[in-house]
Amino acid sequence: MHYYQFNIGDYRKDTIHLTHEEHYIYRALIDIYYESEQPLTLDRPRLLRLLSCSYDQLDVLMAVLTDFFIETENGYKHPRIESELAKIYKKSDKARDSANKRWEKYANASNKDAKAMRTHSEGNASAMLPIDPLPNNPIKKTATKRFVAPSLRQVKDYKQGKDLKIDPEAFIDFYESKGWMVGKNKMRDWKAAARGWAARETKEGNGKLKLPRGDEQLESFAKEHDLPGTRAGESYWQYRNRLNAEIEKRHD
């Protein structure tokens, strides 16, 4: 949709704890959600690109997603936005039905009268609907594209074509061991995953310790390298971010 109502009081109450950077990311995600009328993509590199953010800001993005969105197999959902969209769809459908009923009431009238009535009904519907935000997609039809795991040759060709710093065999072995899952969700775009992998390799491949990608390996890695353990109530991403900060401190 092209615009939506914004409740300043509700927003300030829910976001008083956010930094300026988190505010920008959250507001931008809200705009993307309303404009597309769809849950946010699970492809985190794609989200960073939509936000014009760098990979260094992934932890900030994940903090905002964790606070305000629910991760589902269809994407990151925002309960409040989903509720508002449902109300808008319902109101739009009711206005359209009302105009159609008025037209049907006079369907048996003369052509002249019927034509005049139809114009009047359409005018009423047009005048009525824009009072509230209108959905771009009143009837949402989403086609799910089936994921097909890439071959080693495909990954090598993609690496060469994009000049990615990535080990294709390590990439294939890692995700095959995970059943081509990203967290709790089935991978949707292996090329985006490859670009994300390359970005991590570039960022971490400078002599510093490299955190393992699997969350189940994180604590054993920390013990092995004398890094801090987890804290009570700390999320996976908060712990990973703290370990990264500790590694940066050691590197400096």
C-alpha atoms as a PDB file:
ATOM      1  CA  MET A   1       0.000   0.000   0.000  1.00  0.00           C
ATOM      2  CA  HIS A   2       1.082   3.562  -0.589  1.00  0.00           C
ATOM      3  CA  TYR A   3       0.486   4.921   2.914  1.00  0.00           C
ATOM      4  CA  TYR A   4      -0.579   3.759   6.369  1.00  0.00           C
ATOM      5  CA  GLN A   5      -1.618   5.238   9.691  1.00  0.00           C
ATOM      6  CA  PHE A   6       1.177   5.698  12.230  1.00  0.00           C
ATOM      7  CA  ASN A   7       0.462   5.845  15.981  1.00  0.00           C
ATOM      8  CA  ILE A   8       3.290   7.880  17.492  1.00  0.00           C
ATOM      9  CA  GLY A   9       2.335   7.046  21.082  1.00  0.00           C
ATOM     10  CA  ASP A  10       2.298   3.285  20.511  1.00  0.00           C
ATOM     11  CA  TYR A  11       5.580   3.434  18.623  1.00  0.00           C
ATOM     12  CA  ARG A  12       7.408   5.452  21.283  1.00  0.00           C
ATOM     13  CA  LYS A  13       6.108   3.187  24.037  1.00  0.00           C
ATOM     14  CA  ASP A  14       7.381   0.046  22.268  1.00  0.00           C
ATOM     15  CA  THR A  15      10.723   1.450  21.059  1.00  0.00           C
ATOM     16  CA  ILE A  16      12.007   3.552  23.953  1.00  0.00           C
ATOM     17  CA  HIS A  17      14.948   1.149  24.309  1.00  0.00           C
ATOM     18  CA  LEU A  18      16.159   1.383  20.696  1.00  0.00           C
ATOM     19  CA  THR A  19      19.311   3.146  19.507  1.00  0.00           C
ATOM     20  CA  HIS A  20      19.176   5.608  16.610  1.00  0.00           C
ATOM     21  CA  GLU A  21      20.475   2.905  14.271  1.00  0.00           C
ATOM     22  CA  GLU A  22      17.848   0.413  15.483  1.00  0.00           C
ATOM     23  CA  HIS A  23      15.119   3.050  15.041  1.00  0.00           C
ATOM     24  CA  TYR A  24      16.105   3.545  11.400  1.00  0.00           C
ATOM     25  CA  ILE A  25      16.163  -0.184  10.684  1.00  0.00           C
ATOM     26  CA  TYR A  26      12.829  -0.819  12.425  1.00  0.00           C
ATOM     27  CA  ARG A  27      11.016   2.038  10.656  1.00  0.00           C
ATOM     28  CA  ALA A  28      12.457   0.977   7.297  1.00  0.00           C
ATOM     29  CA  LEU A  29      11.324  -2.625   7.882  1.00  0.00           C
ATOM     30  CA  ILE A  30       7.806  -1.386   8.705  1.00  0.00           C
ATOM     31  CA  ASP A  31       7.727   0.577   5.421  1.00  0.00           C
ATOM     32  CA  ILE A  32       8.929  -2.456   3.432  1.00  0.00           C
ATOM     33  CA  TYR A  33       6.307  -4.666   5.119  1.00  0.00           C
ATOM     34  CA  TYR A  34       3.386  -2.316   4.389  1.00  0.00           C
ATOM     35  CA  GLU A  35       4.517  -1.577   0.842  1.00  0.00           C
ATOM     36  CA  SER A  36       4.799  -5.255  -0.091  1.00  0.00           C
ATOM     37  CA  GLU A  37       1.959  -6.447   2.196  1.00  0.00           C
ATOM     38  CA  GLN A  38       4.035  -9.574   2.767  1.00  0.00           C
ATOM     39  CA  PRO A  39       6.155 -10.938   5.645  1.00  0.00           C
ATOM     40  CA  LEU A  40       9.800  -9.912   5.428  1.00  0.00           C
ATOM     41  CA  THR A  41      12.135 -12.247   3.561  1.00  0.00           C
ATOM     42  CA  LEU A  42      14.185 -14.736   5.586  1.00  0.00           C
ATOM     43  CA  ASP A  43      17.144 -13.939   3.321  1.00  0.00           C
ATOM     44  CA  ARG A  44      19.158 -11.729   5.687  1.00  0.00           C
ATOM     45  CA  PRO A  45      21.691 -10.497   3.101  1.00  0.00           C
ATOM     46  CA  ARG A  46      18.709  -9.463   0.947  1.00  0.00           C
ATOM     47  CA  LEU A  47      17.179  -7.580   3.897  1.00  0.00           C
ATOM     48  CA  LEU A  48      20.471  -5.780   4.531  1.00  0.00           C
ATOM     49  CA  ARG A  49      20.551  -4.733   0.875  1.00  0.00           C
ATOM     50  CA  LEU A  50      16.943  -3.475   0.995  1.00  0.00           C
ATOM     51  CA  LEU A  51      17.904  -1.401   4.041  1.00  0.00           C
ATOM     52  CA  SER A  52      21.142  -0.138   2.417  1.00  0.00           C
ATOM     53  CA  CYS A  53      23.014  -1.617   5.380  1.00  0.00           C
ATOM     54  CA  SER A  54      26.399  -3.345   5.446  1.00  0.00           C
ATOM     55  CA  TYR A  55      27.019  -6.861   6.722  1.00  0.00           C
ATOM     56  CA  ASP A  56      28.564  -5.298   9.855  1.00  0.00           C
ATOM     57  CA  GLN A  57      25.028  -4.227  10.813  1.00  0.00           C
ATOM     58  CA  LEU A  58      23.597  -7.768  10.719  1.00  0.00           C
ATOM     59  CA  ASP A  59      23.604  -8.018  14.522  1.00  0.00           C
ATOM     60  CA  VAL A  60      21.589  -4.794  14.781  1.00  0.00           C
ATOM     61  CA  LEU A  61      19.103  -6.107  12.198  1.00  0.00           C
ATOM     62  CA  MET A  62      18.768  -9.416  14.074  1.00  0.00           C
ATOM     63  CA  ALA A  63      18.170  -7.587  17.366  1.00  0.00           C
ATOM     64  CA  VAL A  64      15.283  -5.634  15.787  1.00  0.00           C
ATOM     65  CA  LEU A  65      13.818  -8.758  14.138  1.00  0.00           C
ATOM     66  CA  THR A  66      14.023 -10.654  17.443  1.00  0.00           C
ATOM     67  CA  ASP A  67      12.296  -7.829  19.356  1.00  0.00           C
ATOM     68  CA  PHE A  68       9.423  -7.101  16.984  1.00  0.00           C
ATOM     69  CA  PHE A  69       8.969  -9.915  14.457  1.00  0.00           C
ATOM     70  CA  ILE A  70       8.140 -13.621  14.526  1.00  0.00           C
ATOM     71  CA  GLU A  71      10.166 -15.933  12.292  1.00  0.00           C
ATOM     72  CA  THR A  72       7.917 -18.300  10.300  1.00  0.00           C
ATOM     73  CA  GLU A  73       8.473 -20.524   7.268  1.00  0.00           C
ATOM     74  CA  ASN A  74       6.882 -17.781   5.147  1.00  0.00           C
ATOM     75  CA  GLY A  75       9.099 -14.987   6.463  1.00  0.00           C
ATOM     76  CA  TYR A  76       9.376 -12.610   9.428  1.00  0.00           C
ATOM     77  CA  LYS A  77       5.829 -11.653  10.481  1.00  0.00           C
ATOM     78  CA  HIS A  78       4.789  -8.575  12.478  1.00  0.00           C
ATOM     79  CA  PRO A  79       1.560  -9.289  14.464  1.00  0.00           C
ATOM     80  CA  ARG A  80       0.406  -5.645  14.595  1.00  0.00           C
ATOM     81  CA  ILE A  81       0.939  -5.062  10.878  1.00  0.00           C
ATOM     82  CA  GLU A  82      -0.785  -8.342   9.984  1.00  0.00           C
ATOM     83  CA  SER A  83      -3.775  -7.257  12.108  1.00  0.00           C
ATOM     84  CA  GLU A  84      -3.921  -3.830  10.446  1.00  0.00           C
ATOM     85  CA  LEU A  85      -3.710  -5.352   6.956  1.00  0.00           C
ATOM     86  CA  ALA A  86      -6.550  -7.754   7.757  1.00  0.00           C
ATOM     87  CA  LYS A  87      -8.759  -4.818   8.823  1.00  0.00           C
ATOM     88  CA  ILE A  88      -7.941  -2.905   5.640  1.00  0.00           C
ATOM     89  CA  TYR A  89      -8.675  -5.910   3.405  1.00  0.00           C
ATOM     90  CA  LYS A  90     -12.002  -6.456   5.177  1.00  0.00           C
ATOM     91  CA  LYS A  91     -13.061  -2.814   4.870  1.00  0.00           C
ATOM     92  CA  SER A  92     -12.057  -2.687   1.204  1.00  0.00           C
ATOM     93  CA  ASP A  93     -14.043  -5.866   0.457  1.00  0.00           C
ATOM     94  CA  LYS A  94     -17.145  -4.549   2.281  1.00  0.00           C
ATOM     95  CA  ALA A  95     -17.112  -1.284   0.305  1.00  0.00           C
ATOM     96  CA  ARG A  96     -16.737  -3.183  -2.955  1.00  0.00           C
ATOM     97  CA  ASP A  97     -19.581  -5.580  -2.051  1.00  0.00           C
ATOM     98  CA  SER A  98     -21.846  -2.665  -1.139  1.00  0.00           C
ATOM     99  CA  ALA A  99     -21.276  -0.999  -4.527  1.00  0.00           C
ATOM    100  CA  ASN A 100     -21.910  -4.296  -6.341  1.00  0.00           C
ATOM    101  CA  LYS A 101     -25.191  -4.847  -4.502  1.00  0.00           C
ATOM    102  CA  ARG A 102     -26.429  -1.386  -5.437  1.00  0.00           C
ATOM    103  CA  TRP A 103     -25.574  -2.151  -9.046  1.00  0.00           C
ATOM    104  CA  GLU A 104     -27.371  -5.518  -8.986  1.00  0.00           C
ATOM    105  CA  LYS A 105     -30.486  -3.876  -7.517  1.00  0.00           C
ATOM    106  CA  TYR A 106     -30.930  -1.886 -10.695  1.00  0.00           C
ATOM    107  CA  ALA A 107     -29.652  -4.517 -13.122  1.00  0.00           C
ATOM    108  CA  ASN A 108     -33.099  -4.938 -14.707  1.00  0.00           C
ATOM    109  CA  ALA A 109     -33.629  -1.244 -15.337  1.00  0.00           C
ATOM    110  CA  SER A 110     -33.357   0.291 -18.799  1.00  0.00           C
ATOM    111  CA  ASN A 111     -29.929   0.511 -20.393  1.00  0.00           C
ATOM    112  CA  LYS A 112     -29.844   4.217 -19.856  1.00  0.00           C
ATOM    113  CA  ASP A 113     -30.841   4.019 -16.226  1.00  0.00           C
ATOM    114  CA  ALA A 114     -28.576   1.032 -15.627  1.00  0.00           C
ATOM    115  CA  LYS A 115     -25.628   2.842 -17.150  1.00  0.00           C
ATOM    116  CA  ALA A 116     -26.301   5.906 -15.035  1.00  0.00           C
ATOM    117  CA  MET A 117     -26.681   3.766 -11.909  1.00  0.00           C
ATOM    118  CA  ARG A 118     -23.470   1.867 -12.576  1.00  0.00           C
ATOM    119  CA  THR A 119     -21.538   5.092 -13.007  1.00  0.00           C
ATOM    120  CA  HIS A 120     -23.034   6.339  -9.754  1.00  0.00           C
ATOM    121  CA  SER A 121     -22.156   3.116  -7.921  1.00  0.00           C
ATOM    122  CA  GLU A 122     -18.618   3.064  -9.213  1.00  0.00           C
ATOM    123  CA  GLY A 123     -18.239   6.671  -8.214  1.00  0.00           C
ATOM    124  CA  ASN A 124     -19.434   5.888  -4.706  1.00  0.00           C
ATOM    125  CA  ALA A 125     -17.024   2.960  -4.434  1.00  0.00           C
ATOM    126  CA  SER A 126     -14.139   5.046  -5.713  1.00  0.00           C
ATOM    127  CA  ALA A 127     -14.946   7.844  -3.298  1.00  0.00           C
ATOM    128  CA  MET A 128     -15.372   5.440  -0.404  1.00  0.00           C
ATOM    129  CA  LEU A 129     -12.288   3.244  -0.710  1.00  0.00           C
ATOM    130  CA  PRO A 130      -9.446   5.809  -0.580  1.00  0.00           C
ATOM    131  CA  ILE A 131     -10.641   7.158   2.813  1.00  0.00           C
ATOM    132  CA  ASP A 132      -8.516   4.444   4.444  1.00  0.00           C
ATOM    133  CA  PRO A 133      -5.205   2.970   3.258  1.00  0.00           C
ATOM    134  CA  LEU A 134      -5.781   0.692   0.281  1.00  0.00           C
ATOM    135  CA  PRO A 135      -4.001  -2.624  -0.140  1.00  0.00           C
ATOM    136  CA  ASN A 136      -1.906  -3.121  -3.267  1.00  0.00           C
ATOM    137  CA  ASN A 137      -2.753  -6.832  -3.207  1.00  0.00           C
ATOM    138  CA  PRO A 138      -6.405  -7.305  -2.059  1.00  0.00           C
ATOM    139  CA  ILE A 139      -6.133 -10.973  -3.037  1.00  0.00           C
ATOM    140  CA  LYS A 140      -2.736 -12.290  -2.055  1.00  0.00           C
ATOM    141  CA  LYS A 141      -1.434 -15.063  -4.270  1.00  0.00           C
ATOM    142  CA  THR A 142       2.025 -16.305  -3.448  1.00  0.00           C
ATOM    143  CA  ALA A 143       3.779 -18.980  -5.405  1.00  0.00           C
ATOM    144  CA  THR A 144       6.283 -21.028  -3.454  1.00  0.00           C
ATOM    145  CA  LYS A 145       9.345 -21.903  -5.473  1.00  0.00           C
ATOM    146  CA  ARG A 146      10.755 -25.315  -4.584  1.00  0.00           C
ATOM    147  CA  PHE A 147      14.359 -25.185  -3.420  1.00  0.00           C
ATOM    148  CA  VAL A 148      16.842 -27.334  -5.341  1.00  0.00           C
ATOM    149  CA  ALA A 149      20.279 -27.842  -3.778  1.00  0.00           C
ATOM    150  CA  PRO A 150      23.138 -26.758  -6.081  1.00  0.00           C
ATOM    151  CA  SER A 151      25.802 -29.061  -7.430  1.00  0.00           C
ATOM    152  CA  LEU A 152      29.481 -28.484  -6.724  1.00  0.00           C
ATOM    153  CA  ARG A 153      29.929 -27.348 -10.348  1.00  0.00           C
ATOM    154  CA  GLN A 154      27.150 -24.757  -9.968  1.00  0.00           C
ATOM    155  CA  VAL A 155      28.749 -23.309  -6.845  1.00  0.00           C
ATOM    156  CA  LYS A 156      32.176 -23.203  -8.527  1.00  0.00           C
ATOM    157  CA  ASP A 157      30.728 -21.458 -11.594  1.00  0.00           C
ATOM    158  CA  TYR A 158      28.862 -18.951  -9.412  1.00  0.00           C
ATOM    159  CA  LYS A 159      32.020 -18.308  -7.385  1.00  0.00           C
ATOM    160  CA  GLN A 160      33.995 -17.603 -10.551  1.00  0.00           C
ATOM    161  CA  GLY A 161      31.279 -15.446 -12.106  1.00  0.00           C
ATOM    162  CA  LYS A 162      30.878 -13.305  -8.986  1.00  0.00           C
ATOM    163  CA  ASP A 163      34.542 -13.474  -7.912  1.00  0.00           C
ATOM    164  CA  LEU A 164      33.529 -14.695  -4.443  1.00  0.00           C
ATOM    165  CA  LYS A 165      36.056 -15.639  -1.798  1.00  0.00           C
ATOM    166  CA  ILE A 166      34.458 -18.969  -0.950  1.00  0.00           C
ATOM    167  CA  ASP A 167      35.442 -22.628  -0.740  1.00  0.00           C
ATOM    168  CA  PRO A 168      32.701 -24.366  -2.787  1.00  0.00           C
ATOM    169  CA  GLU A 169      33.354 -27.781  -1.240  1.00  0.00           C
ATOM    170  CA  ALA A 170      33.218 -26.409   2.316  1.00  0.00           C
ATOM    171  CA  PHE A 171      30.021 -24.547   1.437  1.00  0.00           C
ATOM    172  CA  ILE A 172      28.359 -27.677   0.026  1.00  0.00           C
ATOM    173  CA  ASP A 173      29.559 -29.906   2.895  1.00  0.00           C
ATOM    174  CA  PHE A 174      28.340 -27.478   5.562  1.00  0.00           C
ATOM    175  CA  TYR A 175      24.818 -27.017   4.225  1.00  0.00           C
ATOM    176  CA  GLU A 176      24.413 -30.667   3.237  1.00  0.00           C
ATOM    177  CA  SER A 177      25.193 -31.577   6.853  1.00  0.00           C
ATOM    178  CA  LYS A 178      22.411 -29.173   7.855  1.00  0.00           C
ATOM    179  CA  GLY A 179      19.910 -30.586   5.364  1.00  0.00           C
ATOM    180  CA  TRP A 180      20.118 -27.231   3.536  1.00  0.00           C
ATOM    181  CA  MET A 181      18.466 -25.545   6.499  1.00  0.00           C
ATOM    182  CA  VAL A 182      19.142 -21.961   7.573  1.00  0.00           C
ATOM    183  CA  GLY A 183      18.369 -21.924  11.261  1.00  0.00           C
ATOM    184  CA  LYS A 184      14.960 -23.602  11.519  1.00  0.00           C
ATOM    185  CA  ASN A 185      13.944 -22.839   7.947  1.00  0.00           C
ATOM    186  CA  LYS A 186      14.616 -24.496   4.613  1.00  0.00           C
ATOM    187  CA  MET A 187      17.053 -22.536   2.472  1.00  0.00           C
ATOM    188  CA  ARG A 188      15.327 -20.570  -0.277  1.00  0.00           C
ATOM    189  CA  ASP A 189      18.226 -19.072  -2.241  1.00  0.00           C
ATOM    190  CA  TRP A 190      21.620 -20.804  -2.232  1.00  0.00           C
ATOM    191  CA  LYS A 191      23.206 -17.963  -4.224  1.00  0.00           C
ATOM    192  CA  ALA A 192      22.295 -15.471  -1.487  1.00  0.00           C
ATOM    193  CA  ALA A 193      23.702 -17.927   1.079  1.00  0.00           C
ATOM    194  CA  ALA A 194      26.926 -18.152  -0.944  1.00  0.00           C
ATOM    195  CA  ARG A 195      27.251 -14.357  -1.042  1.00  0.00           C
ATOM    196  CA  GLY A 196      26.672 -14.207   2.716  1.00  0.00           C
ATOM    197  CA  TRP A 197      29.274 -16.941   3.256  1.00  0.00           C
ATOM    198  CA  ALA A 198      31.794 -15.011   1.160  1.00  0.00           C
ATOM    199  CA  ALA A 199      31.086 -11.811   3.091  1.00  0.00           C
ATOM    200  CA  ARG A 200      31.751 -13.600   6.374  1.00  0.00           C
ATOM    201  CA  GLU A 201      34.956 -15.124   4.992  1.00  0.00           C
ATOM    202  CA  THR A 202      36.164 -11.676   3.895  1.00  0.00           C
ATOM    203  CA  LYS A 203      35.310 -10.113   7.237  1.00  0.00           C
ATOM    204  CA  GLU A 204      36.752 -12.903   9.381  1.00  0.00           C
ATOM    205  CA  GLY A 205      39.657 -14.070   7.209  1.00  0.00           C
ATOM    206  CA  ASN A 206      42.199 -11.601   8.552  1.00  0.00           C
ATOM    207  CA  GLY A 207      44.041 -13.634  11.161  1.00  0.00           C
ATOM    208  CA  LYS A 208      41.321 -13.397  13.797  1.00  0.00           C
ATOM    209  CA  LEU A 209      39.461 -16.318  15.321  1.00  0.00           C
ATOM    210  CA  LYS A 210      36.424 -17.328  13.258  1.00  0.00           C
ATOM    211  CA  LEU A 211      33.248 -18.253  15.108  1.00  0.00           C
ATOM    212  CA  PRO A 212      31.643 -21.505  13.945  1.00  0.00           C
ATOM    213  CA  ARG A 213      28.427 -21.090  11.981  1.00  0.00           C
ATOM    214  CA  GLY A 214      26.450 -23.687  13.905  1.00  0.00           C
ATOM    215  CA  ASP A 215      24.909 -22.535  17.187  1.00  0.00           C
ATOM    216  CA  GLU A 216      25.419 -25.987  18.732  1.00  0.00           C
ATOM    217  CA  GLN A 217      29.207 -25.550  18.283  1.00  0.00           C
ATOM    218  CA  LEU A 218      29.448 -22.081  19.790  1.00  0.00           C
ATOM    219  CA  GLU A 219      29.881 -22.962  23.475  1.00  0.00           C
ATOM    220  CA  SER A 220      32.471 -25.687  22.840  1.00  0.00           C
ATOM    221  CA  PHE A 221      34.376 -23.238  20.604  1.00  0.00           C
ATOM    222  CA  ALA A 222      34.303 -20.628  23.387  1.00  0.00           C
ATOM    223  CA  LYS A 223      35.696 -23.107  25.926  1.00  0.00           C
ATOM    224  CA  GLU A 224      38.416 -24.236  23.536  1.00  0.00           C
ATOM    225  CA  HIS A 225      39.619 -20.651  23.001  1.00  0.00           C
ATOM    226  CA  ASP A 226      39.081 -19.420  26.571  1.00  0.00           C
ATOM    227  CA  LEU A 227      36.186 -17.149  25.577  1.00  0.00           C
ATOM    228  CA  PRO A 228      33.260 -16.217  27.874  1.00  0.00           C
ATOM    229  CA  GLY A 229      30.340 -18.602  28.327  1.00  0.00           C
ATOM    230  CA  THR A 230      26.657 -17.811  27.911  1.00  0.00           C
ATOM    231  CA  ARG A 231      24.683 -15.643  30.326  1.00  0.00           C
ATOM    232  CA  ALA A 232      21.235 -16.379  31.719  1.00  0.00           C
ATOM    233  CA  GLY A 233      18.491 -15.154  29.373  1.00  0.00           C
ATOM    234  CA  GLU A 234      20.965 -14.293  26.619  1.00  0.00           C
ATOM    235  CA  SER A 235      19.848 -15.060  23.056  1.00  0.00           C
ATOM    236  CA  TYR A 236      22.053 -16.853  20.520  1.00  0.00           C
ATOM    237  CA  TRP A 237      22.666 -13.648  18.565  1.00  0.00           C
ATOM    238  CA  GLN A 238      23.443 -11.640  21.718  1.00  0.00           C
ATOM    239  CA  TYR A 239      25.989 -14.293  22.758  1.00  0.00           C
ATOM    240  CA  ARG A 240      27.525 -14.443  19.288  1.00  0.00           C
ATOM    241  CA  ASN A 241      27.774 -10.642  19.221  1.00  0.00           C
ATOM    242  CA  ARG A 242      29.505 -10.649  22.627  1.00  0.00           C
ATOM    243  CA  LEU A 243      32.009 -13.268  21.462  1.00  0.00           C
ATOM    244  CA  ASN A 244      32.737 -11.226  18.328  1.00  0.00           C
ATOM    245  CA  ALA A 245      33.400  -8.174  20.518  1.00  0.00           C
ATOM    246  CA  GLU A 246      35.785 -10.201  22.669  1.00  0.00           C
ATOM    247  CA  ILE A 247      37.642 -11.476  19.586  1.00  0.00           C
ATOM    248  CA  GLU A 248      37.927  -7.905  18.247  1.00  0.00           C
ATOM    249  CA  LYS A 249      39.354  -6.796  21.596  1.00  0.00           C
ATOM    250  CA  ARG A 250      41.968  -9.552  21.516  1.00  0.00           C
ATOM    251  CA  HIS A 251      42.856  -8.792  17.905  1.00  0.00           C
ATOM    252  CA  ASP A 252      43.440  -5.126  18.678  1.00  0.00           C
END
